[in-house]
C-alpha atoms as a PDB file:
ATOM      1  CA  GLN A   1      -0.037  -0.122  -0.046  1.00  0.00           C
ATOM      2  CA  VAL A   2       1.009   3.557  -0.469  1.00  0.00           C
ATOM      3  CA  GLN A   3       1.321   6.081   2.532  1.00  0.00           C
ATOM      4  CA  LEU A   4      -0.431   9.448   1.942  1.00  0.00           C
ATOM      5  CA  VAL A   5       0.003  12.614   3.982  1.00  0.00           C
ATOM      6  CA  GLU A   6      -2.307  15.612   3.249  1.00  0.00           C
ATOM      7  CA  SER A   7      -1.490  19.266   3.956  1.00  0.00           C
ATOM      8  CA  GLY A   8      -2.800  22.700   3.164  1.00  0.00           C
ATOM      9  CA  GLY A   9      -6.010  22.845   4.851  1.00  0.00           C
ATOM     10  CA  GLY A  10      -6.994  25.832   6.840  1.00  0.00           C
ATOM     11  CA  LEU A  11      -9.635  28.506   7.491  1.00  0.00           C
ATOM     12  CA  VAL A  12     -10.400  30.756   4.346  1.00  0.00           C
ATOM     13  CA  GLN A  13     -13.243  33.275   3.446  1.00  0.00           C
ATOM     14  CA  ALA A  14     -15.846  32.623   0.831  1.00  0.00           C
ATOM     15  CA  GLY A  15     -14.324  33.323  -2.403  1.00  0.00           C
ATOM     16  CA  GLY A  16     -10.856  32.483  -1.425  1.00  0.00           C
ATOM     17  CA  SER A  17      -8.378  29.885  -2.567  1.00  0.00           C
ATOM     18  CA  LEU A  18      -6.475  26.956  -0.880  1.00  0.00           C
ATOM     19  CA  ARG A  19      -4.102  24.497  -2.389  1.00  0.00           C
ATOM     20  CA  LEU A  20      -4.117  20.976  -0.778  1.00  0.00           C
ATOM     21  CA  SER A  21      -1.180  18.660  -1.219  1.00  0.00           C
ATOM     22  CA  CYS A  22      -1.001  14.907  -0.842  1.00  0.00           C
ATOM     23  CA  ALA A  23       2.568  13.506  -0.482  1.00  0.00           C
ATOM     24  CA  ALA A  24       2.873   9.891  -1.247  1.00  0.00           C
ATOM     25  CA  SER A  25       5.494   7.181  -0.201  1.00  0.00           C
ATOM     26  CA  GLY A  26       5.653   3.460  -1.056  1.00  0.00           C
ATOM     27  CA  SER A  27       4.761   3.624  -4.559  1.00  0.00           C
ATOM     28  CA  ARG A  28       4.753   5.930  -7.445  1.00  0.00           C
ATOM     29  CA  ILE A  29       1.464   7.917  -7.999  1.00  0.00           C
ATOM     30  CA  SER A  30       1.991   7.647 -11.682  1.00  0.00           C
ATOM     31  CA  ILE A  31       1.000   4.074 -11.513  1.00  0.00           C
ATOM     32  CA  LYS A  32      -1.883   4.690  -9.253  1.00  0.00           C
ATOM     33  CA  ASP A  33      -5.271   6.175  -9.628  1.00  0.00           C
ATOM     34  CA  MET A  34      -5.510   9.012  -7.105  1.00  0.00           C
ATOM     35  CA  ALA A  35      -8.451  11.076  -5.827  1.00  0.00           C
ATOM     36  CA  TRP A  36      -9.548  13.653  -3.479  1.00  0.00           C
ATOM     37  CA  HIS A  37     -12.798  12.997  -1.377  1.00  0.00           C
ATOM     38  CA  ARG A  38     -14.388  15.214   1.435  1.00  0.00           C
ATOM     39  CA  GLN A  39     -16.606  14.891   4.365  1.00  0.00           C
ATOM     40  CA  ALA A  40     -18.703  17.526   5.701  1.00  0.00           C
ATOM     41  CA  PRO A  41     -20.204  17.354   9.346  1.00  0.00           C
ATOM     42  CA  GLY A  42     -23.057  15.043   9.507  1.00  0.00           C
ATOM     43  CA  LYS A  43     -22.707  14.065   5.997  1.00  0.00           C
ATOM     44  CA  GLN A  44     -21.257  11.077   3.782  1.00  0.00           C
ATOM     45  CA  ARG A  45     -17.915  11.227   2.217  1.00  0.00           C
ATOM     46  CA  GLU A  46     -18.182  12.295  -1.269  1.00  0.00           C
ATOM     47  CA  LEU A  47     -15.725  12.126  -4.323  1.00  0.00           C
ATOM     48  CA  VAL A  48     -14.464  15.639  -5.295  1.00  0.00           C
ATOM     49  CA  ALA A  49     -11.893  14.761  -8.030  1.00  0.00           C
ATOM     50  CA  THR A  50      -9.809  11.876  -9.475  1.00  0.00           C
ATOM     51  CA  ILE A  51      -6.695  11.751 -11.502  1.00  0.00           C
ATOM     52  CA  ALA A  52      -6.061   8.360 -13.436  1.00  0.00           C
ATOM     53  CA  SER A  53      -2.797   6.566 -13.689  1.00  0.00           C
ATOM     54  CA  GLY A  54      -2.852   7.636 -17.354  1.00  0.00           C
ATOM     55  CA  GLY A  55      -3.487  11.444 -16.490  1.00  0.00           C
ATOM     56  CA  SER A  56      -7.062  11.886 -17.258  1.00  0.00           C
ATOM     57  CA  THR A  57      -9.008  13.942 -14.574  1.00  0.00           C
ATOM     58  CA  LEU A  58     -12.764  14.069 -13.527  1.00  0.00           C
ATOM     59  CA  HIS A  59     -14.193  16.494 -11.183  1.00  0.00           C
ATOM     60  CA  ALA A  60     -17.364  16.427  -9.348  1.00  0.00           C
ATOM     61  CA  ASP A  61     -20.243  18.599 -10.768  1.00  0.00           C
ATOM     62  CA  SER A  62     -20.269  20.637  -7.489  1.00  0.00           C
ATOM     63  CA  VAL A  63     -16.582  21.716  -7.988  1.00  0.00           C
ATOM     64  CA  LYS A  64     -16.283  21.726 -11.708  1.00  0.00           C
ATOM     65  CA  GLY A  65     -14.505  24.990 -12.882  1.00  0.00           C
ATOM     66  CA  ARG A  66     -13.444  25.910  -9.412  1.00  0.00           C
ATOM     67  CA  PHE A  67     -11.235  23.156  -8.308  1.00  0.00           C
ATOM     68  CA  THR A  68      -8.461  21.459 -10.251  1.00  0.00           C
ATOM     69  CA  ILE A  69      -6.734  18.068  -9.500  1.00  0.00           C
ATOM     70  CA  SER A  70      -3.044  17.665 -10.779  1.00  0.00           C
ATOM     71  CA  ARG A  71      -0.130  15.620  -9.913  1.00  0.00           C
ATOM     72  CA  ASP A  72       3.729  16.097  -9.871  1.00  0.00           C
ATOM     73  CA  SER A  73       5.224  12.739 -10.489  1.00  0.00           C
ATOM     74  CA  ALA A  74       8.762  13.873  -9.771  1.00  0.00           C
ATOM     75  CA  LYS A  75       7.581  14.987  -6.418  1.00  0.00           C
ATOM     76  CA  ASN A  76       5.220  12.027  -6.028  1.00  0.00           C
ATOM     77  CA  THR A  77       2.524  14.464  -4.869  1.00  0.00           C
ATOM     78  CA  VAL A  78      -1.092  15.202  -5.789  1.00  0.00           C
ATOM     79  CA  TYR A  79      -2.598  18.454  -5.601  1.00  0.00           C
ATOM     80  CA  LEU A  80      -6.156  19.959  -5.339  1.00  0.00           C
ATOM     81  CA  GLN A  81      -6.158  23.691  -6.296  1.00  0.00           C
ATOM     82  CA  MET A  82      -9.578  25.103  -4.912  1.00  0.00           C
ATOM     83  CA  ASN A  83     -10.554  28.424  -6.084  1.00  0.00           C
ATOM     84  CA  SER A  84     -13.892  30.492  -5.429  1.00  0.00           C
ATOM     85  CA  LEU A  85     -14.408  28.612  -2.260  1.00  0.00           C
ATOM     86  CA  ARG A  86     -17.777  28.510  -0.663  1.00  0.00           C
ATOM     87  CA  PRO A  87     -19.170  27.787   2.757  1.00  0.00           C
ATOM     88  CA  GLU A  88     -20.516  24.375   1.590  1.00  0.00           C
ATOM     89  CA  ASP A  89     -16.889  23.249   0.639  1.00  0.00           C
ATOM     90  CA  THR A  90     -16.178  23.067   4.315  1.00  0.00           C
ATOM     91  CA  GLY A  91     -15.172  19.613   5.478  1.00  0.00           C
ATOM     92  CA  VAL A  92     -12.365  17.312   5.974  1.00  0.00           C
ATOM     93  CA  TYR A  93     -10.607  16.393   2.701  1.00  0.00           C
ATOM     94  CA  TYR A  94      -8.896  13.157   2.244  1.00  0.00           C
ATOM     95  CA  CYS A  95      -6.369  11.837  -0.365  1.00  0.00           C
ATOM     96  CA  ALA A  96      -6.902   8.381  -1.460  1.00  0.00           C
ATOM     97  CA  ALA A  97      -5.041   5.812  -3.944  1.00  0.00           C
ATOM     98  CA  LYS A  98      -5.634   2.704  -5.750  1.00  0.00           C
ATOM     99  CA  SER A  99      -4.359   0.285  -8.377  1.00  0.00           C
ATOM    100  CA  PRO A 100      -6.160   0.955 -11.694  1.00  0.00           C
ATOM    101  CA  TRP A 101      -7.578  -2.534 -11.836  1.00  0.00           C
ATOM    102  CA  VAL A 102      -9.472  -2.437  -8.546  1.00  0.00           C
ATOM    103  CA  GLN A 103     -12.623  -0.617  -8.018  1.00  0.00           C
ATOM    104  CA  ARG A 104     -12.394   0.898  -4.492  1.00  0.00           C
ATOM    105  CA  TYR A 105      -9.565   3.097  -3.060  1.00  0.00           C
ATOM    106  CA  ASP A 106      -7.662   1.295  -0.488  1.00  0.00           C
ATOM    107  CA  SER A 107      -5.192   3.792   0.845  1.00  0.00           C
ATOM    108  CA  TRP A 108      -6.097   6.863   2.509  1.00  0.00           C
ATOM    109  CA  GLY A 109      -4.508   9.677   4.192  1.00  0.00           C
ATOM    110  CA  GLN A 110      -5.545  11.136   7.666  1.00  0.00           C
ATOM    111  CA  GLY A 111      -7.356  14.045   6.233  1.00  0.00           C
ATOM    112  CA  THR A 112      -6.950  17.991   6.409  1.00  0.00           C
ATOM    113  CA  GLN A 113      -9.596  20.299   7.607  1.00  0.00           C
ATOM    114  CA  VAL A 114     -10.916  23.078   5.215  1.00  0.00           C
ATOM    115  CA  THR A 115     -13.386  25.580   6.733  1.00  0.00           C
ATOM    116  CA  VAL A 116     -14.805  28.232   4.527  1.00  0.00           C
ATOM    117  CA  SER A 117     -16.476  31.160   6.425  1.00  0.00           C
ATOM    118  CA  SER A 118     -19.053  33.244   4.792  1.00  0.00           C
END
């Protein structure tokens, strides 16, 4: 399994920006499907964005046009650039990884808190 450590969360006003980082060890992210999920208080965890081993990306409709997932293979790090933040983006953001041939993400980071004030 790959070990994942998130950073970059914090408190920001609505309309502001944050960039989350997910540093990976134990495996190269270029051979993994990587994703960001988030969980708001009292809600189920939801998928925010994915970047496949081949580099293709997907973003949830709720963040499309505002968030961008990317990776730096040399640094073995995945990023989530979050712009035009809204109070409903508040939650704990988790980085996750899986092999391309399995369905479920099986490696998770500890999460980083993002709080957007109105």
